[in-house]
């Protein structure tokens, strides 16, 4: 699966989990979620209808409505962010960047547009500029999801200490978010820092809300820390022995890389 496809689903980028996306309402819990405020303009009514269609899986019709909403004279910057978001979820980062830039042409410091544009730039390979833009946007919107996204980008750029600081900010805003915690543990494991990674991942595994993705990442984290036997002894339900073996093999390959940056790049290339 390509990086574009992984990011389009807004579920994982490599092994790291992404919690939601920037939206016209700030940041919603679910991609395509309906706005929480009552639509008052033609563009917002179209956006609400498009979100309903997207939730039902009618992507092409939803995109058409998002585009119609953005074409209206009363369309605010948030409408273009909504359009950019759906383009990203559909796997069209070029079109998404155009939409985010259109939003910024209307409101140059609009945080959700900066978050979206930064993420699209990273998807297209302009990591340095993307992180810079995403960082500005995260500071503006000041949400856990934006900081989580920035931390993911920093991790895959091999910027582990900045990533740990960013995840800490995200965690301060959403202490119970398991995606943020597992991402933080993965970043620490890439740097071979068991003292930070293990307490976090153990906390995640003790939470009844931990899902299969968290469990797969837990195996990967133990493998990155060269603790294969402990990983097998965890007895995590729902994971086949073959999958555990594959994850530990992937971890060995990543661990063998000569630098943190190389390990981060290798992590971004695997499917978990």
Protein backbone atom coordinates (compact mmCIF):
# COMPACT_ATOMS: atom_id res chain seq x y z
CA UNK A 1 0.00 0.00 0.00
CA UNK A 2 1.38 3.42 -0.90
CA UNK A 3 2.01 6.22 1.62
CA UNK A 4 -0.73 8.19 -0.13
CA UNK A 5 -3.26 5.42 0.45
CA UNK A 6 -2.32 5.04 4.10
CA UNK A 7 -2.69 8.75 4.72
CA UNK A 8 -5.88 9.01 2.70
CA UNK A 9 -7.61 6.73 5.18
CA UNK A 10 -6.40 8.90 8.08
CA UNK A 11 -5.86 5.82 10.20
CA UNK A 12 -2.13 5.23 10.15
CA UNK A 13 1.00 6.70 8.68
CA UNK A 14 3.32 3.72 8.79
CA UNK A 15 2.85 2.42 12.32
CA UNK A 16 1.83 5.67 13.96
CA UNK A 17 -1.81 6.39 14.60
CA UNK A 18 -3.57 9.56 13.53
CA UNK A 19 -6.52 10.73 15.53
CA UNK A 20 -8.96 12.50 13.17
CA UNK A 21 -8.11 15.46 10.95
CA UNK A 22 -8.39 19.21 10.76
CA UNK A 23 -11.93 20.24 9.86
CA UNK A 24 -14.08 23.26 9.39
CA UNK A 25 -15.22 23.06 13.00
CA UNK A 26 -11.68 23.03 14.38
CA UNK A 27 -11.05 19.29 14.55
CA UNK A 28 -13.79 16.68 14.66
CA UNK A 29 -13.56 13.23 16.15
CA UNK A 30 -14.63 11.51 12.93
CA UNK A 31 -13.61 12.25 9.34
CA UNK A 32 -16.64 13.58 7.51
CA UNK A 33 -18.55 14.20 10.73
CA UNK A 34 -21.50 16.59 10.57
CA UNK A 35 -20.88 20.10 11.84
CA UNK A 36 -22.03 20.59 15.41
CA UNK A 37 -23.51 24.02 14.65
CA UNK A 38 -26.65 24.53 12.63
CA UNK A 39 -25.83 25.43 9.00
CA UNK A 40 -26.83 29.01 8.26
CA UNK A 41 -25.43 29.67 4.78
CA UNK A 42 -25.74 27.90 1.47
CA UNK A 43 -22.13 26.77 1.63
CA UNK A 44 -22.52 25.38 5.15
CA UNK A 45 -25.71 23.56 4.20
CA UNK A 46 -23.91 21.93 1.28
CA UNK A 47 -21.02 21.01 3.58
CA UNK A 48 -23.41 19.38 6.03
CA UNK A 49 -25.07 17.37 3.27
CA UNK A 50 -21.66 16.37 1.87
CA UNK A 51 -20.55 15.18 5.30
CA UNK A 52 -23.66 13.00 5.56
CA UNK A 53 -22.91 11.45 2.17
CA UNK A 54 -19.26 10.90 3.06
CA UNK A 55 -20.23 9.09 6.25
CA UNK A 56 -22.38 6.77 4.12
CA UNK A 57 -19.43 6.08 1.84
CA UNK A 58 -20.74 8.07 -1.14
CA UNK A 59 -17.35 9.70 -1.71
CA UNK A 60 -17.70 11.01 -5.25
CA UNK A 61 -21.03 12.69 -4.63
CA UNK A 62 -19.69 14.11 -1.37
CA UNK A 63 -16.65 15.58 -3.12
CA UNK A 64 -18.89 17.19 -5.73
CA UNK A 65 -20.92 18.88 -3.00
CA UNK A 66 -17.80 20.04 -1.15
CA UNK A 67 -16.59 21.56 -4.43
CA UNK A 68 -19.93 23.27 -5.00
CA UNK A 69 -19.83 24.70 -1.49
CA UNK A 70 -16.33 26.08 -2.05
CA UNK A 71 -17.40 27.67 -5.35
CA UNK A 72 -20.10 29.81 -3.71
CA UNK A 73 -19.43 33.53 -3.11
CA UNK A 74 -20.22 33.22 0.60
CA UNK A 75 -17.79 30.33 1.13
CA UNK A 76 -15.51 31.10 4.11
CA UNK A 77 -11.99 29.75 4.65
CA UNK A 78 -13.41 26.85 6.67
CA UNK A 79 -15.24 25.57 3.59
CA UNK A 80 -11.98 25.26 1.68
CA UNK A 81 -10.44 23.43 4.62
CA UNK A 82 -13.34 20.98 4.51
CA UNK A 83 -12.73 20.51 0.79
CA UNK A 84 -9.02 19.99 1.39
CA UNK A 85 -9.73 17.46 4.12
CA UNK A 86 -11.95 15.35 1.90
CA UNK A 87 -9.39 15.49 -0.89
CA UNK A 88 -6.78 14.15 1.53
CA UNK A 89 -9.11 11.42 2.75
CA UNK A 90 -9.74 10.49 -0.88
CA UNK A 91 -6.05 10.39 -1.77
CA UNK A 92 -5.73 13.63 -3.78
CA UNK A 93 -3.04 15.69 -1.99
CA UNK A 94 -2.39 18.01 -4.95
CA UNK A 95 -6.00 19.12 -4.98
CA UNK A 96 -5.98 19.30 -1.19
CA UNK A 97 -3.03 21.70 -1.20
CA UNK A 98 -4.86 23.98 -3.63
CA UNK A 99 -7.91 24.01 -1.34
CA UNK A 100 -5.86 24.72 1.79
CA UNK A 101 -4.01 27.53 0.01
CA UNK A 102 -7.34 28.97 -1.11
CA UNK A 103 -8.42 28.98 2.54
CA UNK A 104 -5.22 30.79 3.50
CA UNK A 105 -5.76 33.36 0.77
CA UNK A 106 -8.97 34.29 2.62
CA UNK A 107 -7.53 34.00 6.12
CA UNK A 108 -3.71 33.90 6.08
CA UNK A 109 -3.27 32.66 9.67
CA UNK A 110 -6.18 30.22 9.73
CA UNK A 111 -4.92 27.36 11.89
CA UNK A 112 -6.91 24.44 10.40
CA UNK A 113 -5.74 25.42 6.91
CA UNK A 114 -2.12 25.51 8.08
CA UNK A 115 -2.49 22.07 9.67
CA UNK A 116 -4.04 20.66 6.50
CA UNK A 117 -1.50 22.26 4.17
CA UNK A 118 1.42 21.10 6.29
CA UNK A 119 0.16 17.53 6.24
CA UNK A 120 -0.41 17.61 2.47
CA UNK A 121 3.10 19.00 1.92
CA UNK A 122 4.57 16.17 3.98
CA UNK A 123 2.55 13.66 1.96
CA UNK A 124 4.10 15.10 -1.18
CA UNK A 125 7.62 14.79 0.19
CA UNK A 126 8.31 18.37 1.27
CA UNK A 127 8.92 17.33 4.86
CA UNK A 128 10.84 20.35 6.11
CA UNK A 129 8.33 22.90 4.85
CA UNK A 130 5.44 20.66 5.87
CA UNK A 131 6.63 20.36 9.47
CA UNK A 132 7.20 24.11 9.64
CA UNK A 133 3.68 24.82 8.37
CA UNK A 134 2.10 22.12 10.50
CA UNK A 135 3.89 23.44 13.57
CA UNK A 136 2.47 26.93 13.04
CA UNK A 137 -1.00 25.48 12.53
CA UNK A 138 -0.80 23.27 15.62
CA UNK A 139 0.18 26.22 17.79
CA UNK A 140 -2.75 28.19 16.39
CA UNK A 141 -5.48 25.57 16.84
CA UNK A 142 -3.89 24.15 20.02
CA UNK A 143 -5.61 20.75 19.83
CA UNK A 144 -4.36 17.30 20.73
CA UNK A 145 -5.01 16.02 17.23
CA UNK A 146 -2.94 18.73 15.58
CA UNK A 147 -0.04 18.14 17.95
CA UNK A 148 -0.34 14.39 17.47
CA UNK A 149 -0.12 14.89 13.73
CA UNK A 150 2.93 17.13 14.12
CA UNK A 151 4.56 14.55 16.38
CA UNK A 152 3.99 11.85 13.76
CA UNK A 153 5.61 14.02 11.09
CA UNK A 154 8.59 14.80 13.33
CA UNK A 155 8.99 11.11 14.17
CA UNK A 156 9.18 10.08 10.53
CA UNK A 157 11.68 12.85 9.93
CA UNK A 158 13.86 11.34 12.65
CA UNK A 159 13.35 14.35 14.93
CA UNK A 160 12.72 12.24 18.01
CA UNK A 161 13.25 14.75 20.80
CA UNK A 162 11.03 17.40 19.17
CA UNK A 163 8.47 14.65 18.54
CA UNK A 164 8.51 13.59 22.19
CA UNK A 165 7.93 17.19 23.27
CA UNK A 166 5.09 17.54 20.75
CA UNK A 167 3.43 14.31 21.88
CA UNK A 168 3.73 15.52 25.47
CA UNK A 169 1.78 18.64 24.52
CA UNK A 170 -0.82 16.51 22.77
CA UNK A 171 -1.07 14.23 25.78
CA UNK A 172 -1.51 17.17 28.13
CA UNK A 173 -4.57 18.17 26.11
CA UNK A 174 -5.94 14.62 25.83
CA UNK A 175 -4.47 12.49 28.65
CA UNK A 176 -6.59 9.43 27.82
CA UNK A 177 -5.91 9.34 24.06
CA UNK A 178 -4.27 5.97 23.44
CA UNK A 179 -3.17 6.85 19.90
CA UNK A 180 -1.05 9.72 21.23
CA UNK A 181 0.44 7.49 23.91
CA UNK A 182 1.35 4.67 21.55
CA UNK A 183 2.89 7.16 19.11
CA UNK A 184 5.00 8.58 21.94
CA UNK A 185 6.16 5.09 22.90
CA UNK A 186 7.07 4.29 19.29
CA UNK A 187 9.13 7.47 19.00
CA UNK A 188 10.98 6.62 22.20
CA UNK A 189 11.57 3.05 21.01
CA UNK A 190 13.08 4.32 17.76
CA UNK A 191 15.64 6.11 19.91
CA UNK A 192 16.15 2.90 21.95
CA UNK A 193 14.81 4.64 25.05
CA UNK A 194 13.16 1.84 27.02
CA UNK A 195 12.85 3.99 30.14
CA UNK A 196 10.32 6.20 28.36
CA UNK A 197 8.74 3.71 25.94
CA UNK A 198 7.89 0.83 28.27
CA UNK A 199 5.91 2.66 30.98
CA UNK A 200 3.81 4.33 28.30
CA UNK A 201 3.09 1.17 26.33
CA UNK A 202 2.33 -0.76 29.52
CA UNK A 203 -0.19 1.92 30.45
CA UNK A 204 -1.82 1.58 27.02
CA UNK A 205 -2.03 -2.20 27.34
CA UNK A 206 -3.64 -1.91 30.78
CA UNK A 207 -6.43 0.20 29.31
CA UNK A 208 -9.57 -1.74 28.28
CA UNK A 209 -9.88 0.57 25.27
CA UNK A 210 -6.67 -0.72 23.68
CA UNK A 211 -7.45 -2.06 20.20
CA UNK A 212 -5.66 -4.40 17.79
CA UNK A 213 -3.69 -1.55 16.26
CA UNK A 214 -2.37 -0.61 19.70
CA UNK A 215 -1.48 -4.26 20.34
CA UNK A 216 0.35 -4.59 17.05
CA UNK A 217 2.30 -1.44 17.81
CA UNK A 218 3.09 -2.79 21.27
CA UNK A 219 4.74 -5.85 19.74
CA UNK A 220 6.67 -3.59 17.39
CA UNK A 221 7.83 -1.39 20.29
CA UNK A 222 9.12 -4.37 22.27
CA UNK A 223 10.86 -5.61 19.14
CA UNK A 224 12.50 -2.23 18.53
CA UNK A 225 13.83 -2.41 22.09
CA UNK A 226 15.24 -5.91 21.41
CA UNK A 227 12.82 -7.56 23.83
CA UNK A 228 11.32 -10.25 21.63
CA UNK A 229 10.81 -12.77 24.42
CA UNK A 230 8.93 -10.23 26.52
CA UNK A 231 6.78 -9.35 23.51
CA UNK A 232 5.80 -13.00 23.05
CA UNK A 233 5.10 -13.37 26.77
CA UNK A 234 2.53 -10.55 26.72
CA UNK A 235 -0.11 -12.93 25.40
CA UNK A 236 -2.05 -10.21 23.62
CA UNK A 237 -5.42 -11.50 22.46
CA UNK A 238 -6.42 -11.15 18.84
CA UNK A 239 -2.88 -11.36 17.43
CA UNK A 240 -1.96 -14.51 15.50
CA UNK A 241 1.48 -16.00 16.11
CA UNK A 242 2.33 -15.39 12.45
CA UNK A 243 1.54 -11.68 12.82
CA UNK A 244 3.65 -11.40 15.96
CA UNK A 245 6.54 -13.09 14.15
CA UNK A 246 6.18 -10.68 11.22
CA UNK A 247 6.15 -7.62 13.49
CA UNK A 248 9.22 -8.78 15.38
CA UNK A 249 11.01 -9.48 12.11
CA UNK A 250 10.15 -5.98 10.89
CA UNK A 251 11.40 -4.55 14.18
CA UNK A 252 14.73 -6.35 13.76
CA UNK A 253 15.10 -4.89 10.28
CA UNK A 254 14.36 -1.39 11.57
CA UNK A 255 16.63 -1.82 14.59
CA UNK A 256 19.53 -2.83 12.33
CA UNK A 257 19.57 0.58 10.64
CA UNK A 258 22.60 2.71 11.44
CA UNK A 259 20.87 5.88 12.67
CA UNK A 260 17.64 7.12 14.22
CA UNK A 261 16.81 8.85 10.93
CA UNK A 262 17.27 5.60 9.02
CA UNK A 263 15.17 3.69 11.55
CA UNK A 264 12.43 6.32 11.29
CA UNK A 265 12.43 6.01 7.50
CA UNK A 266 12.26 2.22 7.73
CA UNK A 267 9.35 2.44 10.18
CA UNK A 268 7.44 4.60 7.70
CA UNK A 269 7.74 1.95 5.02
CA UNK A 270 6.08 -0.92 6.86
CA UNK A 271 2.48 -2.01 7.26
CA UNK A 272 1.36 -2.79 10.80
